[in-house]
Amino acid sequence: MVKLNELPNYTRSLLRIKVPVVVTLADKRQPLRKVVELGPGSIIQFDKSCEEMLELKVGDHPVATGEAVKVGDKFGLRITSMILPDERFNVVRPN
């Protein structure tokens, strides 16, 4: 494994770039009329179970799955598995 201080300067500078890291608990599509009826105390029920794994996305690309955990008075994500990127190479077959 390569240590951070052994990387070239340009590579280390790339590692300082900030990217959006997003975990979505659930999502749902609703008619606009239901959205405008929302107010304090409204409850939106989602189809996703609270036991289902959550997906961690970095820059809109899924990179891991995990479970919600409580860290003090805040929420966190315990990563349980990494998602491998799609293969970027195509098989070359002779004609």
N, C-alpha and C. Protein backbone atom coordinates (compact mmCIF):
# COMPACT_ATOMS: atom_id res chain seq x y z
N MET A 1 0.84 -1.18 0.00
CA MET A 1 0.00 0.00 0.00
C MET A 1 0.89 1.25 0.00
N VAL A 2 0.57 2.21 -0.84
CA VAL A 2 1.35 3.44 -0.96
C VAL A 2 0.94 4.40 0.15
N LYS A 3 1.93 5.02 0.79
CA LYS A 3 1.65 6.00 1.83
C LYS A 3 1.38 7.34 1.18
N LEU A 4 0.54 8.15 1.83
CA LEU A 4 0.14 9.44 1.28
C LEU A 4 1.34 10.34 0.99
N ASN A 5 2.32 10.36 1.87
CA ASN A 5 3.47 11.26 1.66
C ASN A 5 4.41 10.76 0.56
N GLU A 6 4.20 9.53 0.06
CA GLU A 6 5.02 9.00 -1.03
C GLU A 6 4.44 9.34 -2.41
N LEU A 7 3.22 9.86 -2.44
CA LEU A 7 2.58 10.20 -3.71
C LEU A 7 3.18 11.48 -4.28
N PRO A 8 3.17 11.63 -5.61
CA PRO A 8 3.64 12.88 -6.23
C PRO A 8 2.76 14.06 -5.77
N ASN A 9 3.33 15.27 -5.81
CA ASN A 9 2.61 16.46 -5.36
C ASN A 9 1.28 16.65 -6.07
N TYR A 10 1.25 16.45 -7.39
CA TYR A 10 0.00 16.67 -8.14
C TYR A 10 -1.08 15.68 -7.69
N THR A 11 -0.70 14.47 -7.36
CA THR A 11 -1.67 13.47 -6.89
C THR A 11 -2.20 13.87 -5.52
N ARG A 12 -1.33 14.31 -4.64
CA ARG A 12 -1.78 14.74 -3.31
C ARG A 12 -2.69 15.95 -3.41
N SER A 13 -2.45 16.84 -4.37
CA SER A 13 -3.33 18.00 -4.53
C SER A 13 -4.72 17.57 -5.02
N LEU A 14 -4.79 16.52 -5.84
CA LEU A 14 -6.09 16.00 -6.27
C LEU A 14 -6.90 15.49 -5.09
N LEU A 15 -6.23 14.91 -4.10
CA LEU A 15 -6.92 14.35 -2.94
C LEU A 15 -7.52 15.41 -2.03
N ARG A 16 -7.19 16.69 -2.27
CA ARG A 16 -7.77 17.78 -1.48
C ARG A 16 -9.04 18.35 -2.11
N ILE A 17 -9.41 17.89 -3.29
CA ILE A 17 -10.62 18.37 -3.96
C ILE A 17 -11.84 17.88 -3.19
N LYS A 18 -12.76 18.79 -2.90
CA LYS A 18 -13.98 18.42 -2.18
C LYS A 18 -15.05 17.98 -3.17
N VAL A 19 -15.68 16.85 -2.87
CA VAL A 19 -16.76 16.30 -3.70
C VAL A 19 -17.97 16.07 -2.82
N PRO A 20 -19.19 16.14 -3.39
CA PRO A 20 -20.38 15.87 -2.58
C PRO A 20 -20.47 14.39 -2.21
N VAL A 21 -20.70 14.13 -0.93
CA VAL A 21 -20.90 12.78 -0.42
C VAL A 21 -22.33 12.73 0.11
N VAL A 22 -23.16 11.84 -0.46
CA VAL A 22 -24.59 11.83 -0.16
C VAL A 22 -25.05 10.44 0.24
N VAL A 23 -25.84 10.38 1.31
CA VAL A 23 -26.55 9.16 1.69
C VAL A 23 -28.03 9.52 1.71
N THR A 24 -28.82 8.81 0.92
CA THR A 24 -30.25 9.07 0.86
C THR A 24 -30.98 8.00 1.66
N LEU A 25 -31.73 8.42 2.66
CA LEU A 25 -32.48 7.46 3.47
C LEU A 25 -33.58 6.80 2.65
N ALA A 26 -34.31 7.60 1.89
CA ALA A 26 -35.39 7.09 1.04
C ALA A 26 -35.80 8.20 0.09
N ASP A 27 -36.52 7.85 -0.96
CA ASP A 27 -37.07 8.87 -1.84
C ASP A 27 -38.46 8.44 -2.28
N LYS A 28 -39.20 9.41 -2.75
CA LYS A 28 -40.60 9.14 -3.13
C LYS A 28 -41.07 10.23 -4.07
N ARG A 29 -41.88 9.84 -5.02
CA ARG A 29 -42.52 10.81 -5.92
C ARG A 29 -43.95 11.01 -5.42
N GLN A 30 -44.35 12.27 -5.34
CA GLN A 30 -45.71 12.60 -4.91
C GLN A 30 -46.29 13.67 -5.81
N PRO A 31 -47.59 13.66 -5.97
CA PRO A 31 -48.22 14.73 -6.75
C PRO A 31 -47.97 16.09 -6.08
N LEU A 32 -47.84 17.11 -6.87
CA LEU A 32 -47.57 18.44 -6.35
C LEU A 32 -48.64 18.87 -5.35
N ARG A 33 -49.88 18.49 -5.57
CA ARG A 33 -50.95 18.89 -4.65
C ARG A 33 -50.69 18.37 -3.24
N LYS A 34 -50.08 17.18 -3.11
CA LYS A 34 -49.77 16.64 -1.78
C LYS A 34 -48.58 17.38 -1.16
N VAL A 35 -47.66 17.81 -2.00
CA VAL A 35 -46.49 18.53 -1.49
C VAL A 35 -46.90 19.88 -0.93
N VAL A 36 -47.79 20.61 -1.62
CA VAL A 36 -48.19 21.93 -1.14
C VAL A 36 -49.08 21.83 0.10
N GLU A 37 -49.63 20.65 0.38
CA GLU A 37 -50.44 20.44 1.59
C GLU A 37 -49.58 20.16 2.82
N LEU A 38 -48.27 19.94 2.64
CA LEU A 38 -47.39 19.64 3.77
C LEU A 38 -47.24 20.83 4.69
N GLY A 39 -47.10 20.55 5.96
CA GLY A 39 -46.88 21.59 6.95
C GLY A 39 -46.24 20.98 8.18
N PRO A 40 -45.98 21.79 9.19
CA PRO A 40 -45.40 21.27 10.43
C PRO A 40 -46.25 20.12 10.99
N GLY A 41 -45.60 19.04 11.34
CA GLY A 41 -46.31 17.88 11.88
C GLY A 41 -46.72 16.87 10.84
N SER A 42 -46.59 17.22 9.54
CA SER A 42 -46.93 16.27 8.47
C SER A 42 -45.96 15.11 8.50
N ILE A 43 -46.45 13.93 8.15
CA ILE A 43 -45.61 12.74 8.08
C ILE A 43 -45.69 12.18 6.67
N ILE A 44 -44.53 11.92 6.07
CA ILE A 44 -44.46 11.29 4.75
C ILE A 44 -43.99 9.87 4.97
N GLN A 45 -44.78 8.91 4.53
CA GLN A 45 -44.40 7.51 4.69
C GLN A 45 -43.70 7.02 3.43
N PHE A 46 -42.57 6.33 3.63
CA PHE A 46 -41.79 5.80 2.52
C PHE A 46 -41.95 4.29 2.46
N ASP A 47 -41.73 3.71 1.28
CA ASP A 47 -41.86 2.27 1.10
C ASP A 47 -40.64 1.51 1.60
N LYS A 48 -39.55 2.19 1.85
CA LYS A 48 -38.31 1.55 2.26
C LYS A 48 -38.35 1.19 3.74
N SER A 49 -37.93 -0.02 4.06
CA SER A 49 -37.87 -0.47 5.44
C SER A 49 -36.68 0.18 6.14
N CYS A 50 -36.81 0.40 7.45
CA CYS A 50 -35.69 1.00 8.18
C CYS A 50 -34.54 0.01 8.35
N GLU A 51 -34.75 -1.25 7.99
CA GLU A 51 -33.70 -2.27 8.08
C GLU A 51 -32.88 -2.38 6.79
N GLU A 52 -33.35 -1.77 5.70
CA GLU A 52 -32.65 -1.87 4.42
C GLU A 52 -31.35 -1.08 4.44
N MET A 53 -30.39 -1.55 3.64
CA MET A 53 -29.10 -0.88 3.52
C MET A 53 -29.26 0.46 2.81
N LEU A 54 -28.40 1.40 3.17
CA LEU A 54 -28.37 2.71 2.54
C LEU A 54 -27.22 2.75 1.55
N GLU A 55 -27.34 3.61 0.55
CA GLU A 55 -26.31 3.71 -0.49
C GLU A 55 -25.54 5.02 -0.32
N LEU A 56 -24.22 4.92 -0.33
CA LEU A 56 -23.35 6.09 -0.26
C LEU A 56 -22.93 6.45 -1.68
N LYS A 57 -23.19 7.71 -2.06
CA LYS A 57 -22.81 8.18 -3.40
C LYS A 57 -21.79 9.29 -3.26
N VAL A 58 -20.80 9.26 -4.13
CA VAL A 58 -19.81 10.33 -4.21
C VAL A 58 -19.88 10.89 -5.62
N GLY A 59 -20.25 12.16 -5.72
CA GLY A 59 -20.39 12.76 -7.04
C GLY A 59 -21.39 12.03 -7.91
N ASP A 60 -22.49 11.58 -7.36
CA ASP A 60 -23.58 10.89 -8.06
C ASP A 60 -23.21 9.46 -8.49
N HIS A 61 -22.12 8.91 -7.99
CA HIS A 61 -21.71 7.54 -8.30
C HIS A 61 -21.77 6.71 -7.02
N PRO A 62 -22.52 5.60 -7.04
CA PRO A 62 -22.57 4.76 -5.84
C PRO A 62 -21.20 4.12 -5.57
N VAL A 63 -20.73 4.22 -4.32
CA VAL A 63 -19.42 3.67 -3.97
C VAL A 63 -19.48 2.68 -2.82
N ALA A 64 -20.56 2.70 -2.02
CA ALA A 64 -20.63 1.78 -0.88
C ALA A 64 -22.07 1.65 -0.40
N THR A 65 -22.30 0.62 0.41
CA THR A 65 -23.58 0.47 1.10
C THR A 65 -23.30 0.31 2.58
N GLY A 66 -24.28 0.66 3.38
CA GLY A 66 -24.09 0.57 4.82
C GLY A 66 -25.38 0.76 5.57
N GLU A 67 -25.25 0.89 6.89
CA GLU A 67 -26.42 1.03 7.74
C GLU A 67 -26.30 2.31 8.56
N ALA A 68 -27.46 2.88 8.86
CA ALA A 68 -27.49 4.10 9.65
C ALA A 68 -27.10 3.78 11.09
N VAL A 69 -26.29 4.65 11.68
CA VAL A 69 -25.89 4.51 13.07
C VAL A 69 -26.02 5.87 13.75
N LYS A 70 -26.14 5.83 15.07
CA LYS A 70 -26.19 7.07 15.84
C LYS A 70 -24.80 7.33 16.40
N VAL A 71 -24.28 8.53 16.17
CA VAL A 71 -22.97 8.93 16.66
C VAL A 71 -23.19 10.14 17.56
N GLY A 72 -23.27 9.91 18.85
CA GLY A 72 -23.63 10.99 19.77
C GLY A 72 -25.07 11.40 19.51
N ASP A 73 -25.27 12.68 19.20
CA ASP A 73 -26.62 13.15 18.87
C ASP A 73 -26.80 13.34 17.37
N LYS A 74 -25.91 12.73 16.57
CA LYS A 74 -25.98 12.85 15.11
C LYS A 74 -26.09 11.47 14.48
N PHE A 75 -26.39 11.44 13.18
CA PHE A 75 -26.45 10.19 12.43
C PHE A 75 -25.16 9.99 11.66
N GLY A 76 -24.85 8.73 11.40
CA GLY A 76 -23.69 8.40 10.60
C GLY A 76 -24.01 7.20 9.73
N LEU A 77 -23.03 6.73 8.97
CA LEU A 77 -23.19 5.56 8.11
C LEU A 77 -22.05 4.60 8.40
N ARG A 78 -22.40 3.37 8.80
CA ARG A 78 -21.40 2.32 8.97
C ARG A 78 -21.33 1.58 7.64
N ILE A 79 -20.20 1.68 6.95
CA ILE A 79 -20.05 1.04 5.64
C ILE A 79 -19.88 -0.46 5.84
N THR A 80 -20.72 -1.22 5.13
CA THR A 80 -20.66 -2.67 5.23
C THR A 80 -20.06 -3.31 3.98
N SER A 81 -20.16 -2.63 2.84
CA SER A 81 -19.55 -3.17 1.62
C SER A 81 -19.29 -2.04 0.62
N MET A 82 -18.26 -2.26 -0.20
CA MET A 82 -17.90 -1.30 -1.24
C MET A 82 -18.50 -1.78 -2.56
N ILE A 83 -18.85 -0.85 -3.41
CA ILE A 83 -19.41 -1.17 -4.73
C ILE A 83 -18.30 -0.99 -5.75
N LEU A 84 -18.00 -2.04 -6.48
CA LEU A 84 -16.95 -1.97 -7.49
C LEU A 84 -17.43 -1.16 -8.69
N PRO A 85 -16.56 -0.36 -9.27
CA PRO A 85 -16.97 0.41 -10.46
C PRO A 85 -17.22 -0.52 -11.64
N ASP A 86 -18.04 -0.07 -12.58
CA ASP A 86 -18.30 -0.84 -13.79
C ASP A 86 -17.01 -1.04 -14.56
N GLU A 87 -16.93 -2.17 -15.22
CA GLU A 87 -15.76 -2.46 -16.05
C GLU A 87 -15.72 -1.45 -17.20
N ARG A 88 -14.56 -0.88 -17.45
CA ARG A 88 -14.44 0.16 -18.48
C ARG A 88 -13.80 -0.37 -19.77
N PHE A 89 -13.42 -1.63 -19.78
CA PHE A 89 -12.77 -2.18 -20.96
C PHE A 89 -13.71 -3.15 -21.65
N ASN A 90 -13.62 -3.22 -22.96
CA ASN A 90 -14.41 -4.16 -23.75
C ASN A 90 -13.51 -5.29 -24.20
N VAL A 91 -14.09 -6.47 -24.29
CA VAL A 91 -13.34 -7.62 -24.76
C VAL A 91 -13.07 -7.47 -26.25
N VAL A 92 -11.84 -7.69 -26.65
CA VAL A 92 -11.49 -7.62 -28.07
C VAL A 92 -11.47 -9.04 -28.61
N ARG A 93 -12.29 -9.26 -29.63
CA ARG A 93 -12.38 -10.60 -30.22
C ARG A 93 -11.93 -10.53 -31.67
N PRO A 94 -11.10 -11.49 -32.07
CA PRO A 94 -10.69 -11.50 -33.48
C PRO A 94 -11.89 -11.87 -34.37
N ASN A 95 -11.90 -11.35 -35.60
CA ASN A 95 -12.99 -11.65 -36.54
C ASN A 95 -12.87 -13.02 -37.12
